[in-house]
C-alpha atoms as a PDB file:
ATOM      1  CA  MET A   1     -16.188  18.340  30.941  1.00  0.00           C
ATOM      2  CA  SER A   2     -16.871  21.456  28.953  1.00  0.00           C
ATOM      3  CA  LYS A   3     -16.180  20.229  25.441  1.00  0.00           C
ATOM      4  CA  PRO A   4     -16.964  16.728  24.111  1.00  0.00           C
ATOM      5  CA  ILE A   5     -13.950  14.651  23.125  1.00  0.00           C
ATOM      6  CA  THR A   6     -13.433  11.786  20.738  1.00  0.00           C
ATOM      7  CA  ILE A   7     -12.141   8.307  21.459  1.00  0.00           C
ATOM      8  CA  LYS A   8      -8.902   9.212  19.721  1.00  0.00           C
ATOM      9  CA  GLN A   9      -8.444  12.263  21.969  1.00  0.00           C
ATOM     10  CA  TRP A  10      -9.249  10.237  25.093  1.00  0.00           C
ATOM     11  CA  LEU A  11      -6.696   7.607  24.086  1.00  0.00           C
ATOM     12  CA  HIS A  12      -4.110  10.336  23.594  1.00  0.00           C
ATOM     13  CA  TYR A  13      -4.873  11.928  26.975  1.00  0.00           C
ATOM     14  CA  SER A  14      -4.686   8.523  28.646  1.00  0.00           C
ATOM     15  CA  SER A  15      -1.051   8.214  27.615  1.00  0.00           C
ATOM     16  CA  THR A  16      -0.032  11.614  29.032  1.00  0.00           C
ATOM     17  CA  ARG A  17       0.774  12.785  32.535  1.00  0.00           C
ATOM     18  CA  SER A  18      -2.892  13.608  33.094  1.00  0.00           C
ATOM     19  CA  ALA A  19      -3.474   9.859  33.527  1.00  0.00           C
ATOM     20  CA  ALA A  20      -0.855   9.532  36.276  1.00  0.00           C
ATOM     21  CA  SER A  21      -3.663   9.172  38.797  1.00  0.00           C
ATOM     22  CA  ALA A  22      -5.913   6.492  37.327  1.00  0.00           C
ATOM     23  CA  ILE A  23      -8.881   7.256  39.609  1.00  0.00           C
ATOM     24  CA  GLY A  24      -8.530  11.004  38.932  1.00  0.00           C
ATOM     25  CA  PHE A  25      -8.399  10.407  35.172  1.00  0.00           C
ATOM     26  CA  ILE A  26     -11.399   8.071  35.215  1.00  0.00           C
ATOM     27  CA  THR A  27     -13.341  10.576  37.326  1.00  0.00           C
ATOM     28  CA  LYS A  28     -12.374  13.491  35.060  1.00  0.00           C
ATOM     29  CA  TYR A  29     -13.578  11.671  31.933  1.00  0.00           C
ATOM     30  CA  ARG A  30     -16.493   9.809  33.533  1.00  0.00           C
ATOM     31  CA  GLU A  31     -18.992  11.754  31.436  1.00  0.00           C
ATOM     32  CA  PHE A  32     -17.214  10.700  28.239  1.00  0.00           C
ATOM     33  CA  LEU A  33     -16.967   7.083  29.394  1.00  0.00           C
ATOM     34  CA  SER A  34     -20.723   7.131  30.053  1.00  0.00           C
ATOM     35  CA  SER A  35     -21.573   8.591  26.631  1.00  0.00           C
ATOM     36  CA  PRO A  36     -23.717   6.486  24.274  1.00  0.00           C
ATOM     37  CA  GLU A  37     -20.791   5.857  21.912  1.00  0.00           C
ATOM     38  CA  VAL A  38     -18.608   4.089  24.484  1.00  0.00           C
ATOM     39  CA  THR A  39     -20.877   3.118  27.365  1.00  0.00           C
ATOM     40  CA  HIS A  40     -21.226  -0.432  26.038  1.00  0.00           C
ATOM     41  CA  ILE A  41     -17.435  -0.754  26.344  1.00  0.00           C
ATOM     42  CA  ALA A  42     -16.684   1.310  29.432  1.00  0.00           C
ATOM     43  CA  GLY A  43     -19.851   0.592  31.418  1.00  0.00           C
ATOM     44  CA  PRO A  44     -18.896  -2.891  32.697  1.00  0.00           C
ATOM     45  CA  VAL A  45     -15.404  -1.723  33.702  1.00  0.00           C
ATOM     46  CA  LEU A  46     -16.774   1.365  35.487  1.00  0.00           C
ATOM     47  CA  ALA A  47     -19.313  -0.798  37.297  1.00  0.00           C
ATOM     48  CA  GLN A  48     -16.497  -2.994  38.626  1.00  0.00           C
ATOM     49  CA  VAL A  49     -14.537   0.085  39.755  1.00  0.00           C
ATOM     50  CA  ASP A  50     -17.647   1.451  41.506  1.00  0.00           C
ATOM     51  CA  ALA A  51     -18.266  -1.908  43.192  1.00  0.00           C
ATOM     52  CA  GLY A  52     -14.657  -2.068  44.357  1.00  0.00           C
ATOM     53  CA  THR A  53     -13.913  -5.349  42.563  1.00  0.00           C
ATOM     54  CA  LEU A  54     -11.447  -3.694  40.160  1.00  0.00           C
ATOM     55  CA  MET A  55      -8.762  -1.207  41.100  1.00  0.00           C
ATOM     56  CA  PRO A  56      -8.503   2.031  39.078  1.00  0.00           C
ATOM     57  CA  THR A  57      -5.063   1.417  37.533  1.00  0.00           C
ATOM     58  CA  PRO A  58      -5.941  -1.967  35.974  1.00  0.00           C
ATOM     59  CA  ALA A  59      -9.335  -0.514  35.032  1.00  0.00           C
ATOM     60  CA  LEU A  60      -7.654   2.325  33.155  1.00  0.00           C
ATOM     61  CA  ALA A  61      -5.453  -0.188  31.315  1.00  0.00           C
ATOM     62  CA  LEU A  62      -8.560  -2.234  30.384  1.00  0.00           C
ATOM     63  CA  LEU A  63     -10.373   0.884  29.186  1.00  0.00           C
ATOM     64  CA  LYS A  64      -7.414   1.980  27.053  1.00  0.00           C
ATOM     65  CA  ASP A  65      -7.115  -1.452  25.477  1.00  0.00           C
ATOM     66  CA  ALA A  66     -10.854  -1.829  24.869  1.00  0.00           C
ATOM     67  CA  LEU A  67     -11.305   1.654  23.413  1.00  0.00           C
ATOM     68  CA  ASN A  68      -8.214   1.271  21.233  1.00  0.00           C
ATOM     69  CA  THR A  69      -9.553  -2.031  19.877  1.00  0.00           C
ATOM     70  CA  TYR A  70     -12.982  -0.474  19.320  1.00  0.00           C
ATOM     71  CA  GLN A  71     -11.442   2.505  17.492  1.00  0.00           C
ATOM     72  CA  ASN A  72      -9.312   0.220  15.284  1.00  0.00           C
ATOM     73  CA  ASN A  73     -12.287  -2.023  14.444  1.00  0.00           C
ATOM     74  CA  LYS A  74     -14.391   1.024  13.633  1.00  0.00           C
ATOM     75  CA  ALA A  75     -11.694   2.414  11.306  1.00  0.00           C
ATOM     76  CA  LEU A  76     -11.272  -1.001   9.671  1.00  0.00           C
ATOM     77  CA  ALA A  77     -15.031  -1.262   9.063  1.00  0.00           C
ATOM     78  CA  GLU A  78     -15.021   2.184   7.430  1.00  0.00           C
ATOM     79  CA  VAL A  79     -12.163   1.215   5.125  1.00  0.00           C
ATOM     80  CA  GLU A  80     -13.821  -2.082   4.205  1.00  0.00           C
ATOM     81  CA  ALA A  81     -17.061  -0.250   3.427  1.00  0.00           C
ATOM     82  CA  LYS A  82     -15.209   2.211   1.193  1.00  0.00           C
ATOM     83  CA  LEU A  83     -13.439  -0.630  -0.589  1.00  0.00           C
ATOM     84  CA  ALA A  84     -16.703  -2.509  -1.104  1.00  0.00           C
ATOM     85  CA  LYS A  85     -18.378   0.624  -2.458  1.00  0.00           C
ATOM     86  CA  ALA A  86     -15.418   1.357  -4.717  1.00  0.00           C
ATOM     87  CA  SER A  87     -15.377  -2.178  -6.105  1.00  0.00           C
ATOM     88  CA  GLU A  88     -19.112  -2.033  -6.839  1.00  0.00           C
ATOM     89  CA  THR A  89     -19.006   1.274  -8.692  1.00  0.00           C
ATOM     90  CA  LYS A  90     -15.526   0.989 -10.136  1.00  0.00           C
ATOM     91  CA  GLU A  91     -15.276   0.781 -13.866  1.00  0.00           C
ATOM     92  CA  GLU A  92     -12.335  -0.949 -15.439  1.00  0.00           C
ATOM     93  CA  LYS A  93      -9.615   1.671 -15.620  1.00  0.00           C
ATOM     94  CA  PRO A  94      -7.130   1.487 -18.432  1.00  0.00           C
ATOM     95  CA  SER A  95      -3.680   0.379 -17.405  1.00  0.00           C
ATOM     96  CA  SER A  96      -1.301   3.145 -16.452  1.00  0.00           C
ATOM     97  CA  PHE A  97       1.501   1.167 -18.121  1.00  0.00           C
ATOM     98  CA  LYS A  98       1.302   2.536 -21.643  1.00  0.00           C
ATOM     99  CA  TRP A  99       4.760   1.931 -23.148  1.00  0.00           C
ATOM    100  CA  ASN A 100       5.109  -1.573 -24.591  1.00  0.00           C
ATOM    101  CA  THR A 101       8.626  -2.652 -25.561  1.00  0.00           C
ATOM    102  CA  ILE A 102       9.518  -5.717 -27.646  1.00  0.00           C
ATOM    103  CA  VAL A 103      13.030  -6.766 -28.675  1.00  0.00           C
ATOM    104  CA  TYR A 104      13.487  -8.425 -32.106  1.00  0.00           C
ATOM    105  CA  ASP A 105      16.374 -10.261 -33.753  1.00  0.00           C
ATOM    106  CA  PRO A 106      17.698  -9.119 -37.182  1.00  0.00           C
ATOM    107  CA  ARG A 107      15.189 -11.403 -38.939  1.00  0.00           C
ATOM    108  CA  GLY A 108      12.226  -9.678 -37.253  1.00  0.00           C
ATOM    109  CA  ASN A 109      11.423 -12.469 -34.779  1.00  0.00           C
ATOM    110  CA  MET A 110      10.679 -11.589 -31.183  1.00  0.00           C
ATOM    111  CA  ILE A 111      13.616 -12.746 -29.059  1.00  0.00           C
ATOM    112  CA  VAL A 112      12.766 -15.454 -26.537  1.00  0.00           C
ATOM    113  CA  HIS A 113      15.315 -16.365 -23.868  1.00  0.00           C
ATOM    114  CA  THR A 114      15.451 -19.522 -21.772  1.00  0.00           C
ATOM    115  CA  ARG A 115      16.531 -19.919 -18.185  1.00  0.00           C
ATOM    116  CA  LYS A 116      16.324 -22.490 -15.421  1.00  0.00           C
ATOM    117  CA  ASP A 117      14.014 -21.792 -12.514  1.00  0.00           C
ATOM    118  CA  ALA A 118      14.782 -22.714  -8.890  1.00  0.00           C
ATOM    119  CA  GLU A 119      13.617 -26.300  -9.431  1.00  0.00           C
ATOM    120  CA  GLY A 120      15.782 -26.800 -12.520  1.00  0.00           C
ATOM    121  CA  ASN A 121      12.928 -26.584 -15.038  1.00  0.00           C
ATOM    122  CA  ILE A 122      13.622 -24.667 -18.232  1.00  0.00           C
ATOM    123  CA  GLU A 123      11.322 -21.736 -18.815  1.00  0.00           C
ATOM    124  CA  HIS A 124      11.042 -19.486 -21.837  1.00  0.00           C
ATOM    125  CA  TYR A 125      10.466 -15.770 -21.534  1.00  0.00           C
ATOM    126  CA  PRO A 126      10.039 -13.328 -24.384  1.00  0.00           C
ATOM    127  CA  LEU A 127      11.841  -9.992 -24.350  1.00  0.00           C
ATOM    128  CA  ASP A 128       8.760  -7.824 -24.040  1.00  0.00           C
ATOM    129  CA  ARG A 129       7.766  -5.574 -21.168  1.00  0.00           C
ATOM    130  CA  THR A 130       5.355  -2.796 -20.430  1.00  0.00           C
ATOM    131  CA  PHE A 131       6.368   0.420 -18.689  1.00  0.00           C
ATOM    132  CA  LYS A 132       4.759   3.487 -17.238  1.00  0.00           C
ATOM    133  CA  PHE A 133       7.307   5.914 -18.661  1.00  0.00           C
ATOM    134  CA  ASN A 134       9.070   6.093 -22.028  1.00  0.00           C
ATOM    135  CA  GLN A 135      12.455   6.646 -20.383  1.00  0.00           C
ATOM    136  CA  HIS A 136      12.168   3.353 -18.508  1.00  0.00           C
ATOM    137  CA  ALA A 137      11.166   1.534 -21.689  1.00  0.00           C
ATOM    138  CA  GLU A 138      14.148   2.977 -23.560  1.00  0.00           C
ATOM    139  CA  GLY A 139      16.567   2.136 -20.740  1.00  0.00           C
ATOM    140  CA  TRP A 140      15.352  -1.458 -20.538  1.00  0.00           C
ATOM    141  CA  ALA A 141      15.533  -1.841 -24.328  1.00  0.00           C
ATOM    142  CA  ASP A 142      19.092  -0.460 -24.367  1.00  0.00           C
ATOM    143  CA  GLY A 143      20.172  -2.936 -21.706  1.00  0.00           C
ATOM    144  CA  GLU A 144      18.608  -5.901 -23.482  1.00  0.00           C
ATOM    145  CA  LEU A 145      19.967  -4.925 -26.910  1.00  0.00           C
ATOM    146  CA  PHE A 146      23.498  -4.612 -25.537  1.00  0.00           C
ATOM    147  CA  ASP A 147      23.817  -8.418 -25.267  1.00  0.00           C
ATOM    148  CA  GLU A 148      21.979  -9.336 -28.474  1.00  0.00           C
ATOM    149  CA  GLU A 149      23.410 -10.062 -31.909  1.00  0.00           C
ATOM    150  CA  PRO A 150      24.199  -7.239 -34.368  1.00  0.00           C
ATOM    151  CA  GLY A 151      21.135  -6.043 -36.241  1.00  0.00           C
ATOM    152  CA  SER A 152      18.769  -6.588 -33.310  1.00  0.00           C
ATOM    153  CA  TYR A 153      16.336  -3.811 -32.545  1.00  0.00           C
ATOM    154  CA  ALA A 154      13.559  -2.882 -30.133  1.00  0.00           C
ATOM    155  CA  VAL A 155      10.166  -1.393 -30.871  1.00  0.00           C
ATOM    156  CA  ILE A 156       8.509   0.813 -28.251  1.00  0.00           C
ATOM    157  CA  THR A 157       4.799   1.456 -28.790  1.00  0.00           C
ATOM    158  CA  HIS A 158       2.743   4.024 -26.902  1.00  0.00           C
ATOM    159  CA  THR A 159      -0.652   2.428 -26.365  1.00  0.00           C
ATOM    160  CA  PRO A 160      -3.063   5.412 -26.417  1.00  0.00           C
ATOM    161  CA  THR A 161      -1.460   7.281 -29.313  1.00  0.00           C
ATOM    162  CA  GLY A 162       0.009   4.417 -31.329  1.00  0.00           C
ATOM    163  CA  ALA A 163       3.346   6.253 -31.583  1.00  0.00           C
ATOM    164  CA  ILE A 164       6.174   3.862 -32.430  1.00  0.00           C
ATOM    165  CA  GLU A 165       9.868   4.281 -31.684  1.00  0.00           C
ATOM    166  CA  THR A 166      12.501   1.896 -33.009  1.00  0.00           C
ATOM    167  CA  ILE A 167      15.830   1.539 -31.215  1.00  0.00           C
ATOM    168  CA  GLN A 168      18.731  -0.030 -33.124  1.00  0.00           C
ATOM    169  CA  ARG A 169      21.324  -2.092 -31.251  1.00  0.00           C
ATOM    170  CA  GLY A 170      24.148   0.266 -32.255  1.00  0.00           C
ATOM    171  CA  ASP A 171      22.326   3.279 -30.843  1.00  0.00           C
ATOM    172  CA  ALA A 172      21.627   1.404 -27.606  1.00  0.00           C
ATOM    173  CA  ILE A 173      25.304   0.471 -27.217  1.00  0.00           C
ATOM    174  CA  ALA A 174      26.365   4.053 -27.925  1.00  0.00           C
ATOM    175  CA  ARG A 175      24.030   5.382 -25.187  1.00  0.00           C
ATOM    176  CA  ILE A 176      25.259   2.806 -22.696  1.00  0.00           C
ATOM    177  CA  MET A 177      28.943   3.446 -23.471  1.00  0.00           C
ATOM    178  CA  ARG A 178      28.454   7.231 -23.254  1.00  0.00           C
ATOM    179  CA  HIS A 179      26.890   6.959 -19.738  1.00  0.00           C
ATOM    180  CA  GLY A 180      29.005   3.992 -18.671  1.00  0.00           C
END
């Protein structure tokens, strides 16, 4: 071999026509299979091929499987190490959901709906949600206000700036009917 190859390259080559002759492929890449990175995996299989106790075609299949598993475990270990490092050094990032929307009745009380869950228990849920984009907050508020009583309104607050937008029920219905 003139140029060193990686496990990933070897695995690719082993699935091409160059691996049609298992003994020829193993012989061609014997130097790679004896390299320090993979000798602990390939060495026992090559020893069995040399001793004649394992035929080349099953040996090639074993080598492909073992090197693929080794490569996957190596990649997984790298990812886990990066995640561990990131979790150690990671500061608490502010939420990317910065648009808080709350729907109120005409008396200024936050609207709380009730519904039955799958088991038949009644659960209460307030009409407040947080969104990443103002357009999504406005669209959700419009949809919720459509079914509420006259005089209901929604307040959308942008967390970092403190900007406040109030949406009246009539305006929400007008937007829905215009696009509807």
